[in-house]
Amino acid sequence: MLVQDPVLHREWIAVCRSSDVQDKPVQVTLMGERIVVFRTETGIHAFKDLCIHRGAALSLGCVRNGNLVCPYHAWEYDPSGACVKIPQLPETQAIPTKAKAIAYGCRERYGFVWVNLGGEDAGMFSLPEFDDPAFRNVIWGPQEVNAKPPRVIENFLDVGHLAVVHEGYLGVETHREIGDYRVHKTEDGCIRSDEIAIFQPDPDGTGQAKHVYYTYEVLRPLSVKFTKRDEENGNLMSILLTVLPLTETKSVAFGVMSFNYETDLTDEEMVKFQDMIFAQDKPIVENQKPEDLPLDLQIELSLKSDRMSIAYRQYLTELGVTHGTA
């Protein structure tokens, strides 16, 4: 079942890691739509995973001489989607103008392949850490979750759950109170919180419990970020979370973890830790009711510590996002 949301159809959405797409086409699903992603010497491309001839999955084919070749009758499509070769036709006969694949906007950035179902007009957010040589970046995901994207995103923005769901890792029972903070809209339309003091048992791997300072940002409807600052040593760590609407009820989470300091951990160890944290969140978001995030702020009781999630709900309302909202 296709997910109908005109706003999200115009968004850049991460569908897989860049490393997942090598010399063979890859099938991905975006909002219930089956898509083929493939790489040529001119870059990365995305088509609807459907040959117009007899409905074969183009992802089962191959890339040859810069064209995507259908596995059924070897029709060849160039990166624009135009069919440039039909072996069953005489070379003197023109290829029908209707022989085209449906092409989508596609680009690589921040270690992922991004697809835009509606074209390439939507803006792409900036992630300065990824291009800053002072930062080490670790790609995380994919992680599938039986929940809709807004619930997954809001959980990430929820500062109050750190010392409860992630007690012993991201917070402690004796420091669950959240100080007041404000939320601001930036010139580029993003949402950003003030710094929020969070007491953590071992925020930098030294074994020393202390306060660190979180700043949350809403970059796009399905992409958010937090930055953790250690006041004592100036260490910065950020995590980008971006969510793929897989189907009407399932999502896939991806992330980029960025550090401007040495952690003495391998990429694999960092990914394993983040997998564990996400595993603690999964049963929460998979069992929240209603499944759709209520945009009417009167439906659920909110506190001052929920300012960031409230701002996110208001942001979705302003944009007109319908998938996963109520």
C-alpha atoms as a PDB file:
ATOM      1  CA  MET A   1       0.000   0.000   0.000  1.00  0.00           C
ATOM      2  CA  LEU A   2       1.431   3.351  -1.046  1.00  0.00           C
ATOM      3  CA  VAL A   3       1.778   6.058   1.587  1.00  0.00           C
ATOM      4  CA  GLN A   4      -0.007   9.187   0.407  1.00  0.00           C
ATOM      5  CA  ASP A   5       1.617  12.332   1.753  1.00  0.00           C
ATOM      6  CA  PRO A   6       2.301  15.179  -0.722  1.00  0.00           C
ATOM      7  CA  VAL A   7       4.691  16.891   1.708  1.00  0.00           C
ATOM      8  CA  LEU A   8       6.901  13.840   2.262  1.00  0.00           C
ATOM      9  CA  HIS A   9       6.794  13.028  -1.455  1.00  0.00           C
ATOM     10  CA  ARG A  10       8.724  16.266  -1.984  1.00  0.00           C
ATOM     11  CA  GLU A  11      11.291  15.560   0.742  1.00  0.00           C
ATOM     12  CA  TRP A  12      14.758  14.054   0.415  1.00  0.00           C
ATOM     13  CA  ILE A  13      14.603  10.748   2.287  1.00  0.00           C
ATOM     14  CA  ALA A  14      17.505   8.392   3.024  1.00  0.00           C
ATOM     15  CA  VAL A  15      16.743   4.975   1.542  1.00  0.00           C
ATOM     16  CA  CYS A  16      20.014   3.114   2.142  1.00  0.00           C
ATOM     17  CA  ARG A  17      23.694   3.573   2.922  1.00  0.00           C
ATOM     18  CA  SER A  18      25.968   4.668   0.093  1.00  0.00           C
ATOM     19  CA  SER A  19      28.055   1.562   0.737  1.00  0.00           C
ATOM     20  CA  ASP A  20      25.016  -0.628  -0.049  1.00  0.00           C
ATOM     21  CA  VAL A  21      25.084   0.405  -3.719  1.00  0.00           C
ATOM     22  CA  GLN A  22      28.082  -0.973  -5.585  1.00  0.00           C
ATOM     23  CA  ASP A  23      28.132  -2.453  -9.090  1.00  0.00           C
ATOM     24  CA  LYS A  24      24.688  -4.086  -8.915  1.00  0.00           C
ATOM     25  CA  PRO A  25      21.236  -2.460  -8.739  1.00  0.00           C
ATOM     26  CA  VAL A  26      19.618  -2.415  -5.295  1.00  0.00           C
ATOM     27  CA  GLN A  27      15.910  -2.585  -4.503  1.00  0.00           C
ATOM     28  CA  VAL A  28      14.603  -0.329  -1.740  1.00  0.00           C
ATOM     29  CA  THR A  29      11.114   0.584  -0.558  1.00  0.00           C
ATOM     30  CA  LEU A  30      10.071   4.174   0.074  1.00  0.00           C
ATOM     31  CA  MET A  31       6.565   4.947   1.319  1.00  0.00           C
ATOM     32  CA  GLY A  32       5.351   1.634  -0.091  1.00  0.00           C
ATOM     33  CA  GLU A  33       6.902   2.334  -3.499  1.00  0.00           C
ATOM     34  CA  ARG A  34       9.389  -0.208  -4.841  1.00  0.00           C
ATOM     35  CA  ILE A  35      12.464   1.634  -6.144  1.00  0.00           C
ATOM     36  CA  VAL A  36      15.698   0.563  -7.813  1.00  0.00           C
ATOM     37  CA  VAL A  37      18.881   2.442  -6.964  1.00  0.00           C
ATOM     38  CA  PHE A  38      21.929   1.973  -9.178  1.00  0.00           C
ATOM     39  CA  ARG A  39      25.326   3.489  -9.772  1.00  0.00           C
ATOM     40  CA  THR A  40      26.995   4.480 -13.051  1.00  0.00           C
ATOM     41  CA  GLU A  41      30.075   6.512 -13.910  1.00  0.00           C
ATOM     42  CA  THR A  42      27.848   9.611 -13.860  1.00  0.00           C
ATOM     43  CA  GLY A  43      26.659   9.045 -10.301  1.00  0.00           C
ATOM     44  CA  ILE A  44      23.770   7.524  -8.358  1.00  0.00           C
ATOM     45  CA  HIS A  45      20.274   7.132  -9.854  1.00  0.00           C
ATOM     46  CA  ALA A  46      16.806   5.973  -8.768  1.00  0.00           C
ATOM     47  CA  PHE A  47      13.908   4.635 -10.867  1.00  0.00           C
ATOM     48  CA  LYS A  48      10.584   3.110 -10.051  1.00  0.00           C
ATOM     49  CA  ASP A  49      11.472  -0.592  -9.916  1.00  0.00           C
ATOM     50  CA  LEU A  50       9.341  -1.432 -12.920  1.00  0.00           C
ATOM     51  CA  CYS A  51      10.041  -2.058 -16.583  1.00  0.00           C
ATOM     52  CA  ILE A  52       7.275  -0.501 -18.664  1.00  0.00           C
ATOM     53  CA  HIS A  53       7.357  -3.465 -21.065  1.00  0.00           C
ATOM     54  CA  ARG A  54       6.137  -6.375 -18.928  1.00  0.00           C
ATOM     55  CA  GLY A  55       6.421  -5.178 -15.341  1.00  0.00           C
ATOM     56  CA  ALA A  56       9.709  -6.853 -14.461  1.00  0.00           C
ATOM     57  CA  ALA A  57      11.725  -5.609 -11.507  1.00  0.00           C
ATOM     58  CA  LEU A  58      14.623  -3.604 -12.912  1.00  0.00           C
ATOM     59  CA  SER A  59      16.531  -4.272  -9.688  1.00  0.00           C
ATOM     60  CA  LEU A  60      16.990  -7.873 -10.869  1.00  0.00           C
ATOM     61  CA  GLY A  61      18.899  -6.630 -13.881  1.00  0.00           C
ATOM     62  CA  CYS A  62      22.388  -5.209 -14.221  1.00  0.00           C
ATOM     63  CA  VAL A  63      24.273  -2.064 -15.148  1.00  0.00           C
ATOM     64  CA  ARG A  64      25.968  -2.234 -18.545  1.00  0.00           C
ATOM     65  CA  ASN A  65      27.803   0.563 -20.338  1.00  0.00           C
ATOM     66  CA  GLY A  66      26.184   3.144 -18.070  1.00  0.00           C
ATOM     67  CA  ASN A  67      22.636   1.855 -18.629  1.00  0.00           C
ATOM     68  CA  LEU A  68      20.248  -0.142 -16.440  1.00  0.00           C
ATOM     69  CA  VAL A  69      19.365  -3.389 -18.201  1.00  0.00           C
ATOM     70  CA  CYS A  70      16.039  -5.128 -17.593  1.00  0.00           C
ATOM     71  CA  PRO A  71      16.459  -8.809 -16.586  1.00  0.00           C
ATOM     72  CA  TYR A  72      13.444  -9.973 -18.640  1.00  0.00           C
ATOM     73  CA  HIS A  73      13.995  -8.749 -22.204  1.00  0.00           C
ATOM     74  CA  ALA A  74      17.259  -6.757 -21.835  1.00  0.00           C
ATOM     75  CA  TRP A  75      15.731  -3.364 -22.537  1.00  0.00           C
ATOM     76  CA  GLU A  76      18.301  -0.705 -21.608  1.00  0.00           C
ATOM     77  CA  TYR A  77      17.514   2.548 -19.827  1.00  0.00           C
ATOM     78  CA  ASP A  78      19.952   5.440 -19.614  1.00  0.00           C
ATOM     79  CA  PRO A  79      20.317   7.448 -16.355  1.00  0.00           C
ATOM     80  CA  SER A  80      17.522   9.828 -17.396  1.00  0.00           C
ATOM     81  CA  GLY A  81      15.102   6.903 -17.700  1.00  0.00           C
ATOM     82  CA  ALA A  82      14.918   6.901 -21.506  1.00  0.00           C
ATOM     83  CA  CYS A  83      14.980   3.488 -23.149  1.00  0.00           C
ATOM     84  CA  VAL A  84      17.939   3.466 -25.510  1.00  0.00           C
ATOM     85  CA  LYS A  85      17.943  -0.158 -26.651  1.00  0.00           C
ATOM     86  CA  ILE A  86      15.285  -2.799 -27.326  1.00  0.00           C
ATOM     87  CA  PRO A  87      16.962  -5.993 -28.614  1.00  0.00           C
ATOM     88  CA  GLN A  88      13.708  -7.334 -30.042  1.00  0.00           C
ATOM     89  CA  LEU A  89      13.410  -4.412 -32.495  1.00  0.00           C
ATOM     90  CA  PRO A  90      15.342  -4.020 -35.746  1.00  0.00           C
ATOM     91  CA  GLU A  91      18.048  -1.397 -35.394  1.00  0.00           C
ATOM     92  CA  THR A  92      16.363   0.647 -38.105  1.00  0.00           C
ATOM     93  CA  GLN A  93      13.115   0.941 -36.131  1.00  0.00           C
ATOM     94  CA  ALA A  94      12.723   3.848 -33.726  1.00  0.00           C
ATOM     95  CA  ILE A  95      12.234   3.128 -30.036  1.00  0.00           C
ATOM     96  CA  PRO A  96       8.705   4.109 -28.920  1.00  0.00           C
ATOM     97  CA  THR A  97       8.640   7.429 -27.070  1.00  0.00           C
ATOM     98  CA  LYS A  98       6.609   5.804 -24.283  1.00  0.00           C
ATOM     99  CA  ALA A  99       9.504   3.462 -23.515  1.00  0.00           C
ATOM    100  CA  LYS A 100      10.731   5.233 -20.393  1.00  0.00           C
ATOM    101  CA  ALA A 101      11.418   4.354 -16.800  1.00  0.00           C
ATOM    102  CA  ILE A 102      10.040   6.625 -14.087  1.00  0.00           C
ATOM    103  CA  ALA A 103      13.044   8.465 -12.688  1.00  0.00           C
ATOM    104  CA  TYR A 104      13.213  10.074  -9.242  1.00  0.00           C
ATOM    105  CA  GLY A 105      15.535  12.655  -7.766  1.00  0.00           C
ATOM    106  CA  CYS A 106      18.562  10.901  -6.266  1.00  0.00           C
ATOM    107  CA  ARG A 107      21.771  12.048  -4.579  1.00  0.00           C
ATOM    108  CA  GLU A 108      24.468  10.881  -2.192  1.00  0.00           C
ATOM    109  CA  ARG A 109      25.209  12.828   0.946  1.00  0.00           C
ATOM    110  CA  TYR A 110      26.372  12.151   4.508  1.00  0.00           C
ATOM    111  CA  GLY A 111      27.015   8.486   3.766  1.00  0.00           C
ATOM    112  CA  PHE A 112      23.508   7.750   2.477  1.00  0.00           C
ATOM    113  CA  VAL A 113      21.532   7.619  -0.750  1.00  0.00           C
ATOM    114  CA  TRP A 114      18.628  10.091  -0.714  1.00  0.00           C
ATOM    115  CA  VAL A 115      15.580   9.851  -2.972  1.00  0.00           C
ATOM    116  CA  ASN A 116      12.982  12.512  -3.722  1.00  0.00           C
ATOM    117  CA  LEU A 117       9.781  11.118  -5.230  1.00  0.00           C
ATOM    118  CA  GLY A 118       8.583  14.530  -6.384  1.00  0.00           C
ATOM    119  CA  GLY A 119      11.718  15.855  -8.050  1.00  0.00           C
ATOM    120  CA  GLU A 120      14.644  17.831  -6.709  1.00  0.00           C
ATOM    121  CA  ASP A 121      13.126  21.107  -5.489  1.00  0.00           C
ATOM    122  CA  ALA A 122      13.111  20.420  -1.734  1.00  0.00           C
ATOM    123  CA  GLY A 123      16.005  21.744   0.291  1.00  0.00           C
ATOM    124  CA  MET A 124      18.617  19.459   1.830  1.00  0.00           C
ATOM    125  CA  PHE A 125      19.717  20.256   5.362  1.00  0.00           C
ATOM    126  CA  SER A 126      23.329  20.914   6.294  1.00  0.00           C
ATOM    127  CA  LEU A 127      25.425  18.597   8.479  1.00  0.00           C
ATOM    128  CA  PRO A 128      28.662  20.570   9.015  1.00  0.00           C
ATOM    129  CA  GLU A 129      30.316  17.848  11.102  1.00  0.00           C
ATOM    130  CA  PHE A 130      30.373  15.449   8.174  1.00  0.00           C
ATOM    131  CA  ASP A 131      32.684  17.643   6.107  1.00  0.00           C
ATOM    132  CA  ASP A 132      34.755  18.905   9.043  1.00  0.00           C
ATOM    133  CA  PRO A 133      38.118  17.082   9.308  1.00  0.00           C
ATOM    134  CA  ALA A 134      38.057  17.668  13.071  1.00  0.00           C
ATOM    135  CA  PHE A 135      35.171  15.181  13.374  1.00  0.00           C
ATOM    136  CA  ARG A 136      35.074  11.426  13.055  1.00  0.00           C
ATOM    137  CA  ASN A 137      31.808  10.251  11.503  1.00  0.00           C
ATOM    138  CA  VAL A 138      30.294   6.813  11.997  1.00  0.00           C
ATOM    139  CA  ILE A 139      27.341   5.591   9.921  1.00  0.00           C
ATOM    140  CA  TRP A 140      24.610   3.812  11.883  1.00  0.00           C
ATOM    141  CA  GLY A 141      21.656   1.729  10.698  1.00  0.00           C
ATOM    142  CA  PRO A 142      19.512   0.487   9.140  1.00  0.00           C
ATOM    143  CA  GLN A 143      17.234  -0.359  12.056  1.00  0.00           C
ATOM    144  CA  GLU A 144      13.653  -1.379  11.265  1.00  0.00           C
ATOM    145  CA  VAL A 145      10.910  -0.434  13.707  1.00  0.00           C
ATOM    146  CA  ASN A 146       7.186  -1.145  13.694  1.00  0.00           C
ATOM    147  CA  ALA A 147       6.197   2.466  14.227  1.00  0.00           C
ATOM    148  CA  LYS A 148       5.511   5.508  12.101  1.00  0.00           C
ATOM    149  CA  PRO A 149       8.265   8.098  11.588  1.00  0.00           C
ATOM    150  CA  PRO A 150       6.869  10.941  13.731  1.00  0.00           C
ATOM    151  CA  ARG A 151       6.763   8.706  16.814  1.00  0.00           C
ATOM    152  CA  VAL A 152      10.353   7.584  16.183  1.00  0.00           C
ATOM    153  CA  ILE A 153      11.492  11.184  15.666  1.00  0.00           C
ATOM    154  CA  GLU A 154       9.715  12.520  18.738  1.00  0.00           C
ATOM    155  CA  ASN A 155      11.252   9.811  20.902  1.00  0.00           C
ATOM    156  CA  PHE A 156      14.685  11.033  19.786  1.00  0.00           C
ATOM    157  CA  LEU A 157      13.737  14.606  20.778  1.00  0.00           C
ATOM    158  CA  ASP A 158      12.375  13.541  24.179  1.00  0.00           C
ATOM    159  CA  VAL A 159      14.907  14.634  26.780  1.00  0.00           C
ATOM    160  CA  GLY A 160      12.781  13.423  29.697  1.00  0.00           C
ATOM    161  CA  HIS A 161      13.121   9.712  28.905  1.00  0.00           C
ATOM    162  CA  LEU A 162      16.937   9.564  28.962  1.00  0.00           C
ATOM    163  CA  ALA A 163      17.214   8.860  32.687  1.00  0.00           C
ATOM    164  CA  VAL A 164      14.295   6.408  32.609  1.00  0.00           C
ATOM    165  CA  VAL A 165      14.491   4.250  29.473  1.00  0.00           C
ATOM    166  CA  HIS A 166      18.286   4.592  29.267  1.00  0.00           C
ATOM    167  CA  GLU A 167      19.057   4.686  32.981  1.00  0.00           C
ATOM    168  CA  GLY A 168      22.670   3.810  33.657  1.00  0.00           C
ATOM    169  CA  TYR A 169      23.745   4.857  30.193  1.00  0.00           C
ATOM    170  CA  LEU A 170      22.292   8.274  29.335  1.00  0.00           C
ATOM    171  CA  GLY A 171      20.966   9.264  32.741  1.00  0.00           C
ATOM    172  CA  VAL A 172      20.539   8.284  36.384  1.00  0.00           C
ATOM    173  CA  GLU A 173      17.485   7.862  38.600  1.00  0.00           C
ATOM    174  CA  THR A 174      18.584  10.572  41.048  1.00  0.00           C
ATOM    175  CA  HIS A 175      18.754  13.247  38.313  1.00  0.00           C
ATOM    176  CA  ARG A 176      15.521  13.003  36.330  1.00  0.00           C
ATOM    177  CA  GLU A 177      14.389  16.598  36.705  1.00  0.00           C
ATOM    178  CA  ILE A 178      14.720  18.642  33.515  1.00  0.00           C
ATOM    179  CA  GLY A 179      15.479  22.339  33.816  1.00  0.00           C
ATOM    180  CA  ASP A 180      13.428  24.819  31.841  1.00  0.00           C
ATOM    181  CA  TYR A 181      14.614  25.679  28.351  1.00  0.00           C
ATOM    182  CA  ARG A 182      13.350  27.481  25.271  1.00  0.00           C
ATOM    183  CA  VAL A 183      12.926  26.503  21.640  1.00  0.00           C
ATOM    184  CA  HIS A 184      13.739  28.797  18.738  1.00  0.00           C
ATOM    185  CA  LYS A 185      13.062  28.894  15.010  1.00  0.00           C
ATOM    186  CA  THR A 186      16.196  29.631  12.999  1.00  0.00           C
ATOM    187  CA  GLU A 187      16.493  31.755   9.862  1.00  0.00           C
ATOM    188  CA  ASP A 188      16.624  28.647   7.686  1.00  0.00           C
ATOM    189  CA  GLY A 189      13.356  27.342   9.160  1.00  0.00           C
ATOM    190  CA  CYS A 190      14.859  24.746  11.492  1.00  0.00           C
ATOM    191  CA  ILE A 191      13.876  24.295  15.135  1.00  0.00           C
ATOM    192  CA  ARG A 192      16.588  24.478  17.809  1.00  0.00           C
ATOM    193  CA  SER A 193      16.490  24.165  21.585  1.00  0.00           C
ATOM    194  CA  ASP A 194      18.557  25.949  24.163  1.00  0.00           C
ATOM    195  CA  GLU A 195      21.221  23.826  25.788  1.00  0.00           C
ATOM    196  CA  ILE A 196      19.723  21.406  28.322  1.00  0.00           C
ATOM    197  CA  ALA A 197      21.781  20.151  31.257  1.00  0.00           C
ATOM    198  CA  ILE A 198      21.745  16.328  31.488  1.00  0.00           C
ATOM    199  CA  PHE A 199      23.505  14.411  34.270  1.00  0.00           C
ATOM    200  CA  GLN A 200      25.066  11.246  32.862  1.00  0.00           C
ATOM    201  CA  PRO A 201      27.020   8.458  34.595  1.00  0.00           C
ATOM    202  CA  ASP A 202      29.839   8.293  32.033  1.00  0.00           C
ATOM    203  CA  PRO A 203      29.333  10.684  29.116  1.00  0.00           C
ATOM    204  CA  ASP A 204      32.897  10.586  27.756  1.00  0.00           C
ATOM    205  CA  GLY A 205      34.222   7.131  28.643  1.00  0.00           C
ATOM    206  CA  THR A 206      36.362   8.324  31.590  1.00  0.00           C
ATOM    207  CA  GLY A 207      34.063   6.828  34.223  1.00  0.00           C
ATOM    208  CA  GLN A 208      33.305  10.274  35.647  1.00  0.00           C
ATOM    209  CA  ALA A 209      29.653  11.179  36.191  1.00  0.00           C
ATOM    210  CA  LYS A 210      28.825  14.799  35.339  1.00  0.00           C
ATOM    211  CA  HIS A 211      26.511  17.194  33.566  1.00  0.00           C
ATOM    212  CA  VAL A 212      26.716  17.565  29.813  1.00  0.00           C
ATOM    213  CA  TYR A 213      24.660  19.892  27.647  1.00  0.00           C
ATOM    214  CA  TYR A 214      22.282  18.794  24.887  1.00  0.00           C
ATOM    215  CA  THR A 215      21.021  20.932  22.003  1.00  0.00           C
ATOM    216  CA  TYR A 216      18.240  19.459  19.875  1.00  0.00           C
ATOM    217  CA  GLU A 217      17.471  20.440  16.281  1.00  0.00           C
ATOM    218  CA  VAL A 218      14.672  19.635  13.844  1.00  0.00           C
ATOM    219  CA  LEU A 219      16.273  19.875  10.402  1.00  0.00           C
ATOM    220  CA  ARG A 220      13.492  18.449   8.215  1.00  0.00           C
ATOM    221  CA  PRO A 221      10.273  16.538   8.981  1.00  0.00           C
ATOM    222  CA  LEU A 222      12.128  13.203   9.118  1.00  0.00           C
ATOM    223  CA  SER A 223      15.645  14.353  10.048  1.00  0.00           C
ATOM    224  CA  VAL A 224      16.670  15.564  13.498  1.00  0.00           C
ATOM    225  CA  LYS A 225      19.879  15.961  15.453  1.00  0.00           C
ATOM    226  CA  PHE A 226      21.257  16.514  18.894  1.00  0.00           C
ATOM    227  CA  THR A 227      24.647  17.848  19.935  1.00  0.00           C
ATOM    228  CA  LYS A 228      26.188  16.986  23.307  1.00  0.00           C
ATOM    229  CA  ARG A 229      28.747  19.411  24.690  1.00  0.00           C
ATOM    230  CA  ASP A 230      31.113  18.627  27.542  1.00  0.00           C
ATOM    231  CA  GLU A 231      31.822  21.915  29.295  1.00  0.00           C
ATOM    232  CA  GLU A 232      34.954  20.617  31.023  1.00  0.00           C
ATOM    233  CA  ASN A 233      36.945  19.635  27.955  1.00  0.00           C
ATOM    234  CA  GLY A 234      35.069  21.098  25.002  1.00  0.00           C
ATOM    235  CA  ASN A 235      34.260  17.689  23.531  1.00  0.00           C
ATOM    236  CA  LEU A 236      31.381  17.640  21.053  1.00  0.00           C
ATOM    237  CA  MET A 237      29.345  14.655  19.977  1.00  0.00           C
ATOM    238  CA  SER A 238      26.332  14.806  17.690  1.00  0.00           C
ATOM    239  CA  ILE A 239      23.891  12.269  16.310  1.00  0.00           C
ATOM    240  CA  LEU A 240      21.819  12.789  13.186  1.00  0.00           C
ATOM    241  CA  LEU A 241      18.706  10.614  13.056  1.00  0.00           C
ATOM    242  CA  THR A 242      16.863  10.310   9.766  1.00  0.00           C
ATOM    243  CA  VAL A 243      13.864   8.033   9.274  1.00  0.00           C
ATOM    244  CA  LEU A 244      12.671   6.226   6.152  1.00  0.00           C
ATOM    245  CA  PRO A 245       8.900   5.620   5.893  1.00  0.00           C
ATOM    246  CA  LEU A 246       9.043   2.046   4.652  1.00  0.00           C
ATOM    247  CA  THR A 247       5.325   1.259   4.542  1.00  0.00           C
ATOM    248  CA  GLU A 248       2.204   2.607   6.191  1.00  0.00           C
ATOM    249  CA  THR A 249       3.203   1.097   9.543  1.00  0.00           C
ATOM    250  CA  LYS A 250       6.958   0.430   9.361  1.00  0.00           C
ATOM    251  CA  SER A 251       9.980   2.719   9.411  1.00  0.00           C
ATOM    252  CA  VAL A 252      13.733   2.373   9.097  1.00  0.00           C
ATOM    253  CA  ALA A 253      16.110   4.509  11.148  1.00  0.00           C
ATOM    254  CA  PHE A 254      19.551   5.628  10.002  1.00  0.00           C
ATOM    255  CA  GLY A 255      22.076   7.867  11.696  1.00  0.00           C
ATOM    256  CA  VAL A 256      25.417   9.590  11.661  1.00  0.00           C
ATOM    257  CA  MET A 257      27.415   9.754  14.907  1.00  0.00           C
ATOM    258  CA  SER A 258      30.047  12.510  14.916  1.00  0.00           C
ATOM    259  CA  PHE A 259      32.866  13.058  17.449  1.00  0.00           C
ATOM    260  CA  ASN A 260      35.589  15.726  17.669  1.00  0.00           C
ATOM    261  CA  TYR A 261      37.550  13.678  20.225  1.00  0.00           C
ATOM    262  CA  GLU A 262      39.099  10.229  20.569  1.00  0.00           C
ATOM    263  CA  THR A 263      36.819   7.573  22.013  1.00  0.00           C
ATOM    264  CA  ASP A 264      39.096   4.486  22.016  1.00  0.00           C
ATOM    265  CA  LEU A 265      36.200   2.611  20.394  1.00  0.00           C
ATOM    266  CA  THR A 266      36.017   1.111  16.924  1.00  0.00           C
ATOM    267  CA  ASP A 267      33.225   2.031  14.538  1.00  0.00           C
ATOM    268  CA  GLU A 268      31.724  -1.412  15.142  1.00  0.00           C
ATOM    269  CA  GLU A 269      31.702  -0.867  18.917  1.00  0.00           C
ATOM    270  CA  MET A 270      30.023   2.511  18.512  1.00  0.00           C
ATOM    271  CA  VAL A 271      27.367   1.011  16.239  1.00  0.00           C
ATOM    272  CA  LYS A 272      26.800  -1.834  18.715  1.00  0.00           C
ATOM    273  CA  PHE A 273      26.244   0.653  21.547  1.00  0.00           C
ATOM    274  CA  GLN A 274      23.799   2.699  19.472  1.00  0.00           C
ATOM    275  CA  ASP A 275      21.969  -0.498  18.499  1.00  0.00           C
ATOM    276  CA  MET A 276      21.569  -1.274  22.192  1.00  0.00           C
ATOM    277  CA  ILE A 277      20.186   2.204  22.938  1.00  0.00           C
ATOM    278  CA  PHE A 278      17.760   1.948  20.024  1.00  0.00           C
ATOM    279  CA  ALA A 279      16.672  -1.509  21.205  1.00  0.00           C
ATOM    280  CA  GLN A 280      15.632   0.089  24.515  1.00  0.00           C
ATOM    281  CA  ASP A 281      13.502   2.633  22.640  1.00  0.00           C
ATOM    282  CA  LYS A 282      11.851   0.190  20.228  1.00  0.00           C
ATOM    283  CA  PRO A 283       9.280  -1.407  22.561  1.00  0.00           C
ATOM    284  CA  ILE A 284       8.243   2.064  23.711  1.00  0.00           C
ATOM    285  CA  VAL A 285       7.552   3.544  20.266  1.00  0.00           C
ATOM    286  CA  GLU A 286       6.129   0.289  18.891  1.00  0.00           C
ATOM    287  CA  ASN A 287       3.459   0.241  21.590  1.00  0.00           C
ATOM    288  CA  GLN A 288       2.499   3.913  21.874  1.00  0.00           C
ATOM    289  CA  LYS A 289      -1.151   4.758  21.330  1.00  0.00           C
ATOM    290  CA  PRO A 290      -2.333   6.210  19.132  1.00  0.00           C
ATOM    291  CA  GLU A 291       0.158   5.062  16.523  1.00  0.00           C
ATOM    292  CA  ASP A 292      -0.233   8.427  14.802  1.00  0.00           C
ATOM    293  CA  LEU A 293       1.373  11.383  16.567  1.00  0.00           C
ATOM    294  CA  PRO A 294      -1.379  13.704  17.853  1.00  0.00           C
ATOM    295  CA  LEU A 295      -0.867  17.201  16.471  1.00  0.00           C
ATOM    296  CA  ASP A 296      -3.664  18.596  18.632  1.00  0.00           C
ATOM    297  CA  LEU A 297      -1.750  19.577  21.763  1.00  0.00           C
ATOM    298  CA  GLN A 298      -4.841  19.131  23.914  1.00  0.00           C
ATOM    299  CA  ILE A 299      -5.031  15.371  23.312  1.00  0.00           C
ATOM    300  CA  GLU A 300      -2.008  14.484  25.462  1.00  0.00           C
ATOM    301  CA  LEU A 301      -0.736  16.119  28.663  1.00  0.00           C
ATOM    302  CA  SER A 302       2.570  17.947  28.168  1.00  0.00           C
ATOM    303  CA  LEU A 303       5.152  19.463  30.521  1.00  0.00           C
ATOM    304  CA  LYS A 304       7.667  22.272  30.094  1.00  0.00           C
ATOM    305  CA  SER A 305      10.312  19.606  29.508  1.00  0.00           C
ATOM    306  CA  ASP A 306       8.320  18.595  26.395  1.00  0.00           C
ATOM    307  CA  ARG A 307       8.901  21.925  24.657  1.00  0.00           C
ATOM    308  CA  MET A 308      10.980  20.325  21.901  1.00  0.00           C
ATOM    309  CA  SER A 309       8.418  17.664  21.039  1.00  0.00           C
ATOM    310  CA  ILE A 310       5.656  20.288  21.139  1.00  0.00           C
ATOM    311  CA  ALA A 311       7.653  22.414  18.698  1.00  0.00           C
ATOM    312  CA  TYR A 312       8.076  19.372  16.444  1.00  0.00           C
ATOM    313  CA  ARG A 313       4.335  18.750  16.402  1.00  0.00           C
ATOM    314  CA  GLN A 314       3.702  22.399  15.550  1.00  0.00           C
ATOM    315  CA  TYR A 315       6.320  22.187  12.799  1.00  0.00           C
ATOM    316  CA  LEU A 316       4.595  19.157  11.232  1.00  0.00           C
ATOM    317  CA  THR A 317       1.272  20.986  11.438  1.00  0.00           C
ATOM    318  CA  GLU A 318       2.680  24.022   9.632  1.00  0.00           C
ATOM    319  CA  LEU A 319       4.148  21.862   6.863  1.00  0.00           C
ATOM    320  CA  GLY A 320       0.970  19.809   6.485  1.00  0.00           C
ATOM    321  CA  VAL A 321       2.576  16.394   7.067  1.00  0.00           C
ATOM    322  CA  THR A 322      -0.146  13.732   7.218  1.00  0.00           C
ATOM    323  CA  HIS A 323       1.708  10.395   7.356  1.00  0.00           C
ATOM    324  CA  GLY A 324       1.937   9.231  10.961  1.00  0.00           C
ATOM    325  CA  THR A 325       0.050  12.217  12.342  1.00  0.00           C
ATOM    326  CA  ALA A 326      -3.452  12.715  13.673  1.00  0.00           C
END
